[in-house]
Amino acid sequence: MGLEETLAGLRTAFPDMRWSVHEQMAEDSRVLTRFIWEGTQRGNFPGIPPSHRAVRMWGMVIDQFEGPKVKSTRIIMDTLGLLQQLGALPGAPEVAPCNGAPCCYFLDSFQRRWDIHQWPKSSA
């Protein structure tokens, strides 16, 4: 499925979709755009009937230009977050604060919490 078909499917599932650009960078013939889109699922989304839930999704796209035309597009979006917001997948578990210290948690594919402050210190 190409970009046009993907966007058409998203517009069908989220007819009130709104996009906002938060950052753009260009180098040579490439442009990176960081965006957020928001909308309410009112139509079918592959395998998910309308939930009428409001969602907010981030993503980035890299467009490669050849003259004034887009030659190729690569896009990454937070599909896991979208599926969680739609209720199709369980959300991330709540995490406890780090007793006032800066925290960094990672959730693996089994939804286990890993606190970097508890990792063994390197002997190097």
Protein backbone atom coordinates (compact mmCIF):
# COMPACT_ATOMS: atom_id res chain seq x y z
CA MET A 1 0.00 0.00 0.00
CA GLY A 2 1.37 3.39 -0.96
CA LEU A 3 1.31 6.69 0.93
CA GLU A 4 -1.82 7.98 -0.84
CA GLU A 5 -3.78 4.83 -0.01
CA THR A 6 -2.54 4.88 3.60
CA LEU A 7 -3.61 8.51 4.08
CA ALA A 8 -6.98 7.86 2.42
CA GLY A 9 -7.58 4.95 4.82
CA LEU A 10 -6.63 7.11 7.80
CA ARG A 11 -9.00 9.87 6.63
CA THR A 12 -11.82 7.32 6.34
CA ALA A 13 -11.18 5.97 9.85
CA PHE A 14 -10.50 9.40 11.39
CA PRO A 15 -12.55 11.91 9.35
CA ASP A 16 -11.80 14.82 11.72
CA MET A 17 -8.03 14.21 11.52
CA ARG A 18 -5.88 17.30 12.19
CA TRP A 19 -2.15 17.44 11.51
CA SER A 20 0.39 19.80 13.06
CA VAL A 21 4.05 20.12 12.12
CA HIS A 22 6.36 20.47 15.12
CA GLU A 23 9.76 20.46 13.45
CA GLN A 24 11.38 20.32 10.02
CA MET A 25 14.98 19.85 8.99
CA ALA A 26 16.51 19.73 5.53
CA GLU A 27 19.80 18.36 4.26
CA ASP A 28 20.73 18.03 0.61
CA SER A 29 17.60 16.74 -1.13
CA ARG A 30 15.95 15.31 2.02
CA VAL A 31 13.43 16.91 4.38
CA LEU A 32 12.54 15.42 7.76
CA THR A 33 9.21 16.48 9.27
CA ARG A 34 8.14 15.66 12.83
CA PHE A 35 4.37 15.82 13.27
CA ILE A 36 1.43 14.98 15.48
CA TRP A 37 -2.00 14.11 14.22
CA GLU A 38 -5.19 13.93 16.24
CA GLY A 39 -8.62 12.60 15.42
CA THR A 40 -11.58 10.50 16.47
CA GLN A 41 -12.03 6.98 15.10
CA ARG A 42 -15.43 7.05 13.40
CA GLY A 43 -14.71 4.52 10.63
CA ASN A 44 -13.12 1.10 10.33
CA PHE A 45 -9.40 0.96 10.88
CA PRO A 46 -7.89 -2.33 9.64
CA GLY A 47 -9.45 -4.93 11.92
CA ILE A 48 -10.82 -2.41 14.42
CA PRO A 49 -14.45 -1.25 14.25
CA PRO A 50 -15.21 2.41 15.08
CA SER A 51 -14.40 3.07 18.75
CA HIS A 52 -15.33 6.78 18.75
CA ARG A 53 -12.17 7.35 20.81
CA ALA A 54 -10.04 10.46 20.39
CA VAL A 55 -6.39 9.67 19.63
CA ARG A 56 -3.14 11.59 19.36
CA MET A 57 -0.28 10.10 17.39
CA TRP A 58 3.27 11.28 16.67
CA GLY A 59 5.37 10.47 13.67
CA MET A 60 8.20 11.51 11.37
CA VAL A 61 8.52 11.46 7.63
CA ILE A 62 11.61 11.79 5.44
CA ASP A 63 10.89 13.01 1.92
CA GLN A 64 13.56 12.65 -0.77
CA PHE A 65 13.21 15.27 -3.51
CA GLU A 66 14.30 15.14 -7.12
CA GLY A 67 13.95 18.70 -8.30
CA PRO A 68 10.54 20.00 -7.20
CA LYS A 69 9.00 16.49 -6.97
CA VAL A 70 9.00 13.99 -4.12
CA LYS A 71 10.99 10.97 -5.27
CA SER A 72 10.43 8.79 -2.17
CA THR A 73 8.87 8.95 1.27
CA ARG A 74 9.68 7.04 4.44
CA ILE A 75 7.37 7.41 7.40
CA ILE A 76 7.37 6.15 10.97
CA MET A 77 4.41 6.56 13.30
CA ASP A 78 3.67 5.38 16.82
CA THR A 79 1.39 2.54 15.74
CA LEU A 80 1.72 0.76 19.10
CA GLY A 81 0.51 3.91 20.88
CA LEU A 82 -2.37 4.26 18.42
CA LEU A 83 -3.51 0.66 18.98
CA GLN A 84 -3.32 1.18 22.75
CA GLN A 85 -5.38 4.38 22.53
CA LEU A 86 -8.01 2.57 20.45
CA GLY A 87 -8.20 -0.22 23.05
CA ALA A 88 -6.97 -2.87 20.61
CA LEU A 89 -3.87 -3.54 22.77
CA PRO A 90 -3.31 -3.11 26.51
CA GLY A 91 -1.71 0.15 27.55
CA ALA A 92 1.62 0.54 29.29
CA PRO A 93 1.51 -0.18 33.02
CA GLU A 94 1.69 2.65 35.54
CA VAL A 95 5.21 3.27 36.82
CA ALA A 96 6.20 4.54 40.26
CA PRO A 97 8.39 7.66 40.56
CA CYS A 98 12.10 7.30 41.38
CA ASN A 99 11.95 8.94 44.82
CA GLY A 100 12.61 12.38 43.35
CA ALA A 101 15.57 11.26 41.20
CA PRO A 102 15.53 11.55 37.40
CA CYS A 103 14.03 8.37 35.97
CA CYS A 104 14.26 6.48 32.76
CA TYR A 105 12.11 3.41 32.26
CA PHE A 106 11.97 1.02 29.35
CA LEU A 107 9.09 -1.35 28.67
CA ASP A 108 9.97 -4.48 26.80
CA SER A 109 7.59 -6.44 24.59
CA PHE A 110 6.37 -8.35 27.67
CA GLN A 111 5.39 -5.09 29.42
CA ARG A 112 8.04 -5.57 32.14
CA ARG A 113 9.47 -2.37 33.60
CA TRP A 114 13.24 -1.90 33.57
CA ASP A 115 14.63 0.93 35.73
CA ILE A 116 18.06 2.04 34.50
CA HIS A 117 19.06 3.07 38.05
CA GLN A 118 18.92 -0.59 39.09
CA TRP A 119 21.14 -1.87 36.28
CA PRO A 120 24.52 -3.26 37.36
CA LYS A 121 27.38 -0.78 37.15
CA SER A 122 29.93 -1.37 34.42
CA SER A 123 33.34 -2.55 35.60
CA ALA A 124 35.04 -0.84 32.65
